[in-house]
PDB file of N, CA and C in Angstrom:
ATOM      1  N   UNK A   1     124.392 153.602  84.684  1.00  0.00           N
ATOM      2  CA  UNK A   1     124.387 154.846  85.535  1.00  0.00           C
ATOM      3  C   UNK A   1     124.125 156.023  84.666  1.00  0.00           C
ATOM      4  N   UNK A   2     123.747 157.121  85.338  1.00  0.00           N
ATOM      5  CA  UNK A   2     123.482 158.296  84.541  1.00  0.00           C
ATOM      6  C   UNK A   2     124.390 159.420  85.196  1.00  0.00           C
ATOM      7  N   UNK A   3     124.462 160.465  84.475  1.00  0.00           N
ATOM      8  CA  UNK A   3     125.284 161.656  85.067  1.00  0.00           C
ATOM      9  C   UNK A   3     124.503 162.345  86.127  1.00  0.00           C
ATOM     10  N   UNK A   4     123.217 162.042  86.200  1.00  0.00           N
ATOM     11  CA  UNK A   4     122.469 162.698  87.237  1.00  0.00           C
ATOM     12  C   UNK A   4     121.818 161.513  88.061  1.00  0.00           C
ATOM     13  N   UNK A   5     121.847 161.721  89.410  1.00  0.00           N
ATOM     14  CA  UNK A   5     121.186 160.751  90.281  1.00  0.00           C
ATOM     15  C   UNK A   5     119.990 161.430  90.901  1.00  0.00           C
ATOM     16  N   UNK A   6     118.859 160.675  91.061  1.00  0.00           N
ATOM     17  CA  UNK A   6     117.737 161.241  91.749  1.00  0.00           C
ATOM     18  C   UNK A   6     117.881 160.833  93.262  1.00  0.00           C
ATOM     19  N   UNK A   7     117.729 161.852  94.053  1.00  0.00           N
ATOM     20  CA  UNK A   7     117.737 161.599  95.471  1.00  0.00           C
ATOM     21  C   UNK A   7     116.512 162.097  96.195  1.00  0.00           C
ATOM     22  N   UNK A   8     116.031 161.525  97.157  1.00  0.00           N
ATOM     23  CA  UNK A   8     114.924 161.865  97.879  1.00  0.00           C
ATOM     24  C   UNK A   8     115.291 162.530  99.209  1.00  0.00           C
ATOM     25  N   UNK A   9     114.878 163.720  99.476  1.00  0.00           N
ATOM     26  CA  UNK A   9     115.089 164.438 100.676  1.00  0.00           C
ATOM     27  C   UNK A   9     113.729 164.797 101.330  1.00  0.00           C
ATOM     28  N   UNK A  10     113.353 164.053 102.249  1.00  0.00           N
ATOM     29  CA  UNK A  10     111.986 164.249 102.826  1.00  0.00           C
ATOM     30  C   UNK A  10     110.942 163.930 101.735  1.00  0.00           C
ATOM     31  N   UNK A  11     110.121 164.888 101.477  1.00  0.00           N
ATOM     32  CA  UNK A  11     109.057 164.675 100.354  1.00  0.00           C
ATOM     33  C   UNK A  11     109.551 165.327  99.067  1.00  0.00           C
ATOM     34  N   UNK A  12     110.781 165.806  99.042  1.00  0.00           N
ATOM     35  CA  UNK A  12     111.291 166.393  97.733  1.00  0.00           C
ATOM     36  C   UNK A  12     112.163 165.370  96.978  1.00  0.00           C
ATOM     37  N   UNK A  13     112.017 165.412  95.707  1.00  0.00           N
ATOM     38  CA  UNK A  13     113.009 164.598  94.886  1.00  0.00           C
ATOM     39  C   UNK A  13     113.909 165.503  94.087  1.00  0.00           C
ATOM     40  N   UNK A  14     115.193 165.319  94.306  1.00  0.00           N
ATOM     41  CA  UNK A  14     116.096 166.243  93.561  1.00  0.00           C
ATOM     42  C   UNK A  14     117.009 165.433  92.664  1.00  0.00           C
ATOM     43  N   UNK A  15     117.439 166.109  91.548  1.00  0.00           N
ATOM     44  CA  UNK A  15     118.498 165.594  90.655  1.00  0.00           C
ATOM     45  C   UNK A  15     119.804 166.153  91.102  1.00  0.00           C
ATOM     46  N   UNK A  16     120.734 165.177  91.440  1.00  0.00           N
ATOM     47  CA  UNK A  16     121.973 165.614  91.891  1.00  0.00           C
ATOM     48  C   UNK A  16     123.047 165.151  90.913  1.00  0.00           C
ATOM     49  N   UNK A  17     123.918 166.116  90.565  1.00  0.00           N
ATOM     50  CA  UNK A  17     124.904 165.833  89.534  1.00  0.00           C
ATOM     51  C   UNK A  17     126.106 164.965  90.100  1.00  0.00           C
ATOM     52  N   UNK A  18     126.436 163.865  89.391  1.00  0.00           N
ATOM     53  CA  UNK A  18     127.563 163.108  89.819  1.00  0.00           C
ATOM     54  C   UNK A  18     128.836 163.707  89.430  1.00  0.00           C
ATOM     55  N   UNK A  19     128.983 164.602  88.469  1.00  0.00           N
ATOM     56  CA  UNK A  19     130.183 165.203  88.041  1.00  0.00           C
ATOM     57  C   UNK A  19     130.154 166.741  88.250  1.00  0.00           C
ATOM     58  N   UNK A  20     130.383 167.178  89.455  1.00  0.00           N
ATOM     59  CA  UNK A  20     130.183 168.502  89.898  1.00  0.00           C
ATOM     60  C   UNK A  20     130.832 169.608  89.029  1.00  0.00           C
ATOM     61  N   UNK A  21     132.020 169.333  88.544  1.00  0.00           N
ATOM     62  CA  UNK A  21     132.798 170.320  87.757  1.00  0.00           C
ATOM     63  C   UNK A  21     132.419 170.413  86.334  1.00  0.00           C
ATOM     64  N   UNK A  22     131.627 169.541  85.847  1.00  0.00           N
ATOM     65  CA  UNK A  22     131.280 169.432  84.407  1.00  0.00           C
ATOM     66  C   UNK A  22     129.924 170.049  84.237  1.00  0.00           C
ATOM     67  N   UNK A  23     129.905 171.173  83.461  1.00  0.00           N
ATOM     68  CA  UNK A  23     128.578 171.846  83.307  1.00  0.00           C
ATOM     69  C   UNK A  23     128.012 171.536  81.968  1.00  0.00           C
ATOM     70  N   UNK A  24     126.670 171.268  81.934  1.00  0.00           N
ATOM     71  CA  UNK A  24     126.022 170.974  80.712  1.00  0.00           C
ATOM     72  C   UNK A  24     125.046 169.814  80.856  1.00  0.00           C
ATOM     73  N   UNK A  25     124.094 169.732  79.995  1.00  0.00           N
ATOM     74  CA  UNK A  25     123.077 168.684  80.087  1.00  0.00           C
ATOM     75  C   UNK A  25     122.667 168.193  78.684  1.00  0.00           C
ATOM     76  N   UNK A  26     123.533 168.412  77.682  1.00  0.00           N
ATOM     77  CA  UNK A  26     123.188 168.055  76.352  1.00  0.00           C
ATOM     78  C   UNK A  26     123.300 166.499  76.141  1.00  0.00           C
ATOM     79  N   UNK A  27     122.570 165.968  75.122  1.00  0.00           N
ATOM     80  CA  UNK A  27     122.611 164.533  74.879  1.00  0.00           C
ATOM     81  C   UNK A  27     124.090 164.055  74.613  1.00  0.00           C
ATOM     82  N   UNK A  28     124.873 164.931  73.929  1.00  0.00           N
ATOM     83  CA  UNK A  28     126.314 164.632  73.586  1.00  0.00           C
ATOM     84  C   UNK A  28     127.081 164.516  74.862  1.00  0.00           C
ATOM     85  N   UNK A  29     126.881 165.475  75.800  1.00  0.00           N
ATOM     86  CA  UNK A  29     127.699 165.326  77.045  1.00  0.00           C
ATOM     87  C   UNK A  29     127.245 164.158  77.849  1.00  0.00           C
ATOM     88  N   UNK A  30     126.034 163.897  77.934  1.00  0.00           N
ATOM     89  CA  UNK A  30     125.379 162.772  78.641  1.00  0.00           C
ATOM     90  C   UNK A  30     126.067 161.480  78.156  1.00  0.00           C
ATOM     91  N   UNK A  31     126.249 161.324  76.811  1.00  0.00           N
ATOM     92  CA  UNK A  31     126.827 160.178  76.207  1.00  0.00           C
ATOM     93  C   UNK A  31     128.272 160.095  76.704  1.00  0.00           C
ATOM     94  N   UNK A  32     129.053 161.185  76.662  1.00  0.00           N
ATOM     95  CA  UNK A  32     130.382 161.111  77.066  1.00  0.00           C
ATOM     96  C   UNK A  32     130.490 160.724  78.574  1.00  0.00           C
ATOM     97  N   UNK A  33     129.602 161.242  79.429  1.00  0.00           N
ATOM     98  CA  UNK A  33     129.586 160.882  80.855  1.00  0.00           C
ATOM     99  C   UNK A  33     129.261 159.428  81.003  1.00  0.00           C
ATOM    100  N   UNK A  34     128.456 158.884  80.234  1.00  0.00           N
ATOM    101  CA  UNK A  34     128.183 157.461  80.318  1.00  0.00           C
ATOM    102  C   UNK A  34     129.366 156.663  79.950  1.00  0.00           C
ATOM    103  N   UNK A  35     130.135 157.085  78.973  1.00  0.00           N
ATOM    104  CA  UNK A  35     131.437 156.479  78.582  1.00  0.00           C
ATOM    105  C   UNK A  35     132.422 156.546  79.738  1.00  0.00           C
ATOM    106  N   UNK A  36     132.459 157.636  80.392  1.00  0.00           N
ATOM    107  CA  UNK A  36     133.333 157.814  81.579  1.00  0.00           C
ATOM    108  C   UNK A  36     133.005 156.723  82.665  1.00  0.00           C
ATOM    109  N   UNK A  37     131.680 156.659  82.896  1.00  0.00           N
ATOM    110  CA  UNK A  37     131.241 155.599  83.881  1.00  0.00           C
ATOM    111  C   UNK A  37     131.602 154.235  83.513  1.00  0.00           C
ATOM    112  N   UNK A  38     131.608 153.956  82.128  1.00  0.00           N
ATOM    113  CA  UNK A  38     131.814 152.631  81.651  1.00  0.00           C
ATOM    114  C   UNK A  38     133.286 152.281  81.669  1.00  0.00           C
ATOM    115  N   UNK A  39     134.208 153.247  81.396  1.00  0.00           N
ATOM    116  CA  UNK A  39     135.668 152.931  81.412  1.00  0.00           C
ATOM    117  C   UNK A  39     136.309 153.045  82.696  1.00  0.00           C
ATOM    118  N   UNK A  40     135.805 153.932  83.589  1.00  0.00           N
ATOM    119  CA  UNK A  40     136.502 154.148  84.881  1.00  0.00           C
ATOM    120  C   UNK A  40     136.823 152.898  85.718  1.00  0.00           C
ATOM    121  N   UNK A  41     135.867 151.956  85.787  1.00  0.00           N
ATOM    122  CA  UNK A  41     136.275 150.799  86.609  1.00  0.00           C
ATOM    123  C   UNK A  41     137.226 149.852  85.960  1.00  0.00           C
ATOM    124  N   UNK A  42     137.579 150.048  84.686  1.00  0.00           N
ATOM    125  CA  UNK A  42     138.409 149.074  83.993  1.00  0.00           C
ATOM    126  C   UNK A  42     139.981 149.503  84.273  1.00  0.00           C
ATOM    127  N   UNK A  43     140.822 148.716  83.861  1.00  0.00           N
ATOM    128  CA  UNK A  43     142.219 149.067  84.045  1.00  0.00           C
ATOM    129  C   UNK A  43     142.804 149.621  82.706  1.00  0.00           C
ATOM    130  N   UNK A  44     141.921 149.993  81.778  1.00  0.00           N
ATOM    131  CA  UNK A  44     142.339 150.453  80.444  1.00  0.00           C
ATOM    132  C   UNK A  44     143.026 151.785  80.540  1.00  0.00           C
ATOM    133  N   UNK A  45     143.967 151.928  79.564  1.00  0.00           N
ATOM    134  CA  UNK A  45     144.556 153.285  79.322  1.00  0.00           C
ATOM    135  C   UNK A  45     143.606 154.078  78.382  1.00  0.00           C
ATOM    136  N   UNK A  46     143.394 155.351  78.717  1.00  0.00           N
ATOM    137  CA  UNK A  46     142.436 156.177  77.943  1.00  0.00           C
ATOM    138  C   UNK A  46     143.166 157.327  77.245  1.00  0.00           C
ATOM    139  N   UNK A  47     142.833 157.524  75.954  1.00  0.00           N
ATOM    140  CA  UNK A  47     143.354 158.649  75.225  1.00  0.00           C
ATOM    141  C   UNK A  47     142.206 159.597  74.961  1.00  0.00           C
ATOM    142  N   UNK A  48     142.224 160.856  75.446  1.00  0.00           N
ATOM    143  CA  UNK A  48     141.185 161.718  75.318  1.00  0.00           C
ATOM    144  C   UNK A  48     141.632 162.827  74.290  1.00  0.00           C
ATOM    145  N   UNK A  49     140.883 162.906  73.211  1.00  0.00           N
ATOM    146  CA  UNK A  49     141.237 163.952  72.138  1.00  0.00           C
ATOM    147  C   UNK A  49     140.151 164.975  72.146  1.00  0.00           C
ATOM    148  N   UNK A  50     140.625 166.200  71.561  1.00  0.00           N
ATOM    149  CA  UNK A  50     139.525 167.206  71.433  1.00  0.00           C
ATOM    150  C   UNK A  50     140.212 168.542  71.317  1.00  0.00           C
ATOM    151  N   UNK A  51     139.423 169.503  70.845  1.00  0.00           N
ATOM    152  CA  UNK A  51     139.899 170.942  70.675  1.00  0.00           C
ATOM    153  C   UNK A  51     140.289 171.568  72.045  1.00  0.00           C
ATOM    154  N   UNK A  52     141.000 172.537  72.014  1.00  0.00           N
ATOM    155  CA  UNK A  52     141.342 173.303  73.106  1.00  0.00           C
ATOM    156  C   UNK A  52     140.140 173.837  73.863  1.00  0.00           C
ATOM    157  N   UNK A  53     140.069 173.750  75.175  1.00  0.00           N
ATOM    158  CA  UNK A  53     138.975 174.262  75.886  1.00  0.00           C
ATOM    159  C   UNK A  53     137.687 173.491  75.888  1.00  0.00           C
ATOM    160  N   UNK A  54     137.768 172.172  75.520  1.00  0.00           N
ATOM    161  CA  UNK A  54     136.546 171.415  75.436  1.00  0.00           C
ATOM    162  C   UNK A  54     136.380 170.609  76.696  1.00  0.00           C
ATOM    163  N   UNK A  55     137.178 170.681  77.704  1.00  0.00           N
ATOM    164  CA  UNK A  55     137.050 169.896  79.011  1.00  0.00           C
ATOM    165  C   UNK A  55     137.765 168.589  79.029  1.00  0.00           C
ATOM    166  N   UNK A  56     138.725 168.350  78.236  1.00  0.00           N
ATOM    167  CA  UNK A  56     139.470 167.065  78.306  1.00  0.00           C
ATOM    168  C   UNK A  56     140.003 166.723  79.660  1.00  0.00           C
ATOM    169  N   UNK A  57     140.611 167.740  80.259  1.00  0.00           N
ATOM    170  CA  UNK A  57     141.156 167.513  81.617  1.00  0.00           C
ATOM    171  C   UNK A  57     140.023 167.234  82.654  1.00  0.00           C
ATOM    172  N   UNK A  58     138.907 167.801  82.541  1.00  0.00           N
ATOM    173  CA  UNK A  58     137.786 167.469  83.511  1.00  0.00           C
ATOM    174  C   UNK A  58     137.330 166.055  83.301  1.00  0.00           C
ATOM    175  N   UNK A  59     137.267 165.553  81.980  1.00  0.00           N
ATOM    176  CA  UNK A  59     136.891 164.209  81.724  1.00  0.00           C
ATOM    177  C   UNK A  59     137.979 163.276  82.296  1.00  0.00           C
ATOM    178  N   UNK A  60     139.237 163.581  82.065  1.00  0.00           N
ATOM    179  CA  UNK A  60     140.242 162.709  82.626  1.00  0.00           C
ATOM    180  C   UNK A  60     140.236 162.654  84.195  1.00  0.00           C
ATOM    181  N   UNK A  61     139.926 163.778  84.789  1.00  0.00           N
ATOM    182  CA  UNK A  61     139.798 163.799  86.298  1.00  0.00           C
ATOM    183  C   UNK A  61     138.606 163.017  86.692  1.00  0.00           C
ATOM    184  N   UNK A  62     137.512 163.037  86.006  1.00  0.00           N
ATOM    185  CA  UNK A  62     136.323 162.262  86.272  1.00  0.00           C
ATOM    186  C   UNK A  62     136.504 160.783  86.239  1.00  0.00           C
ATOM    187  N   UNK A  63     137.268 160.351  85.166  1.00  0.00           N
ATOM    188  CA  UNK A  63     137.601 159.003  85.020  1.00  0.00           C
ATOM    189  C   UNK A  63     138.412 158.519  86.156  1.00  0.00           C
ATOM    190  N   UNK A  64     139.470 159.203  86.526  1.00  0.00           N
ATOM    191  CA  UNK A  64     140.387 158.960  87.597  1.00  0.00           C
ATOM    192  C   UNK A  64     139.692 158.905  88.925  1.00  0.00           C
ATOM    193  N   UNK A  65     138.817 159.844  89.166  1.00  0.00           N
ATOM    194  CA  UNK A  65     138.032 159.881  90.438  1.00  0.00           C
ATOM    195  C   UNK A  65     137.140 158.800  90.612  1.00  0.00           C
ATOM    196  N   UNK A  66     136.560 158.285  89.487  1.00  0.00           N
ATOM    197  CA  UNK A  66     135.663 157.124  89.547  1.00  0.00           C
ATOM    198  C   UNK A  66     136.356 155.718  89.564  1.00  0.00           C
ATOM    199  N   UNK A  67     137.605 155.813  89.318  1.00  0.00           N
ATOM    200  CA  UNK A  67     138.322 154.489  89.229  1.00  0.00           C
ATOM    201  C   UNK A  67     138.769 153.958  90.635  1.00  0.00           C
ATOM    202  N   UNK A  68     139.158 152.637  90.587  1.00  0.00           N
ATOM    203  CA  UNK A  68     139.635 152.087  91.845  1.00  0.00           C
ATOM    204  C   UNK A  68     140.988 152.589  92.134  1.00  0.00           C
ATOM    205  N   UNK A  69     141.668 153.168  91.234  1.00  0.00           N
ATOM    206  CA  UNK A  69     143.028 153.814  91.512  1.00  0.00           C
ATOM    207  C   UNK A  69     143.016 155.069  92.251  1.00  0.00           C
ATOM    208  N   UNK A  70     141.867 155.742  92.321  1.00  0.00           N
ATOM    209  CA  UNK A  70     141.763 157.035  92.903  1.00  0.00           C
ATOM    210  C   UNK A  70     142.206 156.900  94.427  1.00  0.00           C
ATOM    211  N   UNK A  71     143.107 157.684  94.831  1.00  0.00           N
ATOM    212  CA  UNK A  71     143.530 157.745  96.199  1.00  0.00           C
ATOM    213  C   UNK A  71     144.771 156.900  96.427  1.00  0.00           C
ATOM    214  N   UNK A  72     145.096 155.967  95.521  1.00  0.00           N
ATOM    215  CA  UNK A  72     146.260 155.146  95.779  1.00  0.00           C
ATOM    216  C   UNK A  72     147.286 155.265  94.614  1.00  0.00           C
ATOM    217  N   UNK A  73     146.851 155.698  93.400  1.00  0.00           N
ATOM    218  CA  UNK A  73     147.799 155.918  92.280  1.00  0.00           C
ATOM    219  C   UNK A  73     147.552 157.277  91.682  1.00  0.00           C
ATOM    220  N   UNK A  74     148.688 157.961  91.458  1.00  0.00           N
ATOM    221  CA  UNK A  74     148.609 159.278  90.979  1.00  0.00           C
ATOM    222  C   UNK A  74     148.216 159.268  89.464  1.00  0.00           C
ATOM    223  N   UNK A  75     147.417 160.189  89.094  1.00  0.00           N
ATOM    224  CA  UNK A  75     146.915 160.346  87.701  1.00  0.00           C
ATOM    225  C   UNK A  75     148.117 160.944  86.890  1.00  0.00           C
ATOM    226  N   UNK A  76     148.334 160.322  85.682  1.00  0.00           N
ATOM    227  CA  UNK A  76     149.445 160.741  84.885  1.00  0.00           C
ATOM    228  C   UNK A  76     148.791 161.507  83.632  1.00  0.00           C
ATOM    229  N   UNK A  77     149.266 162.648  83.406  1.00  0.00           N
ATOM    230  CA  UNK A  77     148.799 163.427  82.318  1.00  0.00           C
ATOM    231  C   UNK A  77     149.915 163.600  81.262  1.00  0.00           C
ATOM    232  N   UNK A  78     149.585 163.380  80.036  1.00  0.00           N
ATOM    233  CA  UNK A  78     150.606 163.561  79.013  1.00  0.00           C
ATOM    234  C   UNK A  78     149.959 164.541  77.917  1.00  0.00           C
ATOM    235  N   UNK A  79     150.505 165.750  77.818  1.00  0.00           N
ATOM    236  CA  UNK A  79     149.993 166.748  76.834  1.00  0.00           C
ATOM    237  C   UNK A  79     150.732 166.498  75.588  1.00  0.00           C
ATOM    238  N   UNK A  80     149.910 166.256  74.541  1.00  0.00           N
ATOM    239  CA  UNK A  80     150.495 165.986  73.180  1.00  0.00           C
ATOM    240  C   UNK A  80     150.151 167.081  72.222  1.00  0.00           C
ATOM    241  N   UNK A  81     149.902 168.366  72.646  1.00  0.00           N
ATOM    242  CA  UNK A  81     149.474 169.392  71.752  1.00  0.00           C
ATOM    243  C   UNK A  81     150.493 169.711  70.726  1.00  0.00           C
ATOM    244  N   UNK A  82     151.738 169.560  70.953  1.00  0.00           N
ATOM    245  CA  UNK A  82     152.768 169.944  69.975  1.00  0.00           C
ATOM    246  C   UNK A  82     153.478 168.753  69.329  1.00  0.00           C
ATOM    247  N   UNK A  83     153.083 167.551  69.768  1.00  0.00           N
ATOM    248  CA  UNK A  83     153.743 166.338  69.243  1.00  0.00           C
ATOM    249  C   UNK A  83     153.605 166.171  67.760  1.00  0.00           C
ATOM    250  N   UNK A  84     152.415 166.546  67.233  1.00  0.00           N
ATOM    251  CA  UNK A  84     152.119 166.383  65.718  1.00  0.00           C
ATOM    252  C   UNK A  84     152.770 167.414  64.850  1.00  0.00           C
ATOM    253  N   UNK A  85     153.364 168.521  65.421  1.00  0.00           N
ATOM    254  CA  UNK A  85     153.964 169.484  64.643  1.00  0.00           C
ATOM    255  C   UNK A  85     155.423 169.393  64.465  1.00  0.00           C
ATOM    256  N   UNK A  86     156.055 168.348  65.039  1.00  0.00           N
ATOM    257  CA  UNK A  86     157.509 168.165  65.008  1.00  0.00           C
ATOM    258  C   UNK A  86     157.854 167.805  63.555  1.00  0.00           C
ATOM    259  N   UNK A  87     158.894 168.446  62.919  1.00  0.00           N
ATOM    260  CA  UNK A  87     159.370 168.169  61.585  1.00  0.00           C
ATOM    261  C   UNK A  87     158.583 168.834  60.500  1.00  0.00           C
ATOM    262  N   UNK A  88     157.699 169.786  60.813  1.00  0.00           N
ATOM    263  CA  UNK A  88     156.935 170.460  59.771  1.00  0.00           C
ATOM    264  C   UNK A  88     157.515 171.807  59.479  1.00  0.00           C
TER     265      UNK A  88
END
């Protein structure tokens, strides 16, 4: 699957984004969205790491929304931003 789907509307062909809230079209983002689509149908636990403001929460929401758990199990978020600074 790809982050964009081609849909035909009459005689027009449109690219429709599968992840409406995620903005961008870079090769790196496309690779991440392909990983989202690969992991979402599994029962795996996912750890998402990254700098502040990089869209980790949007990726987590996309994984949950594409999973079979969506609508029947609540998404659990654990913020670990200060966990590494304990004892320093």
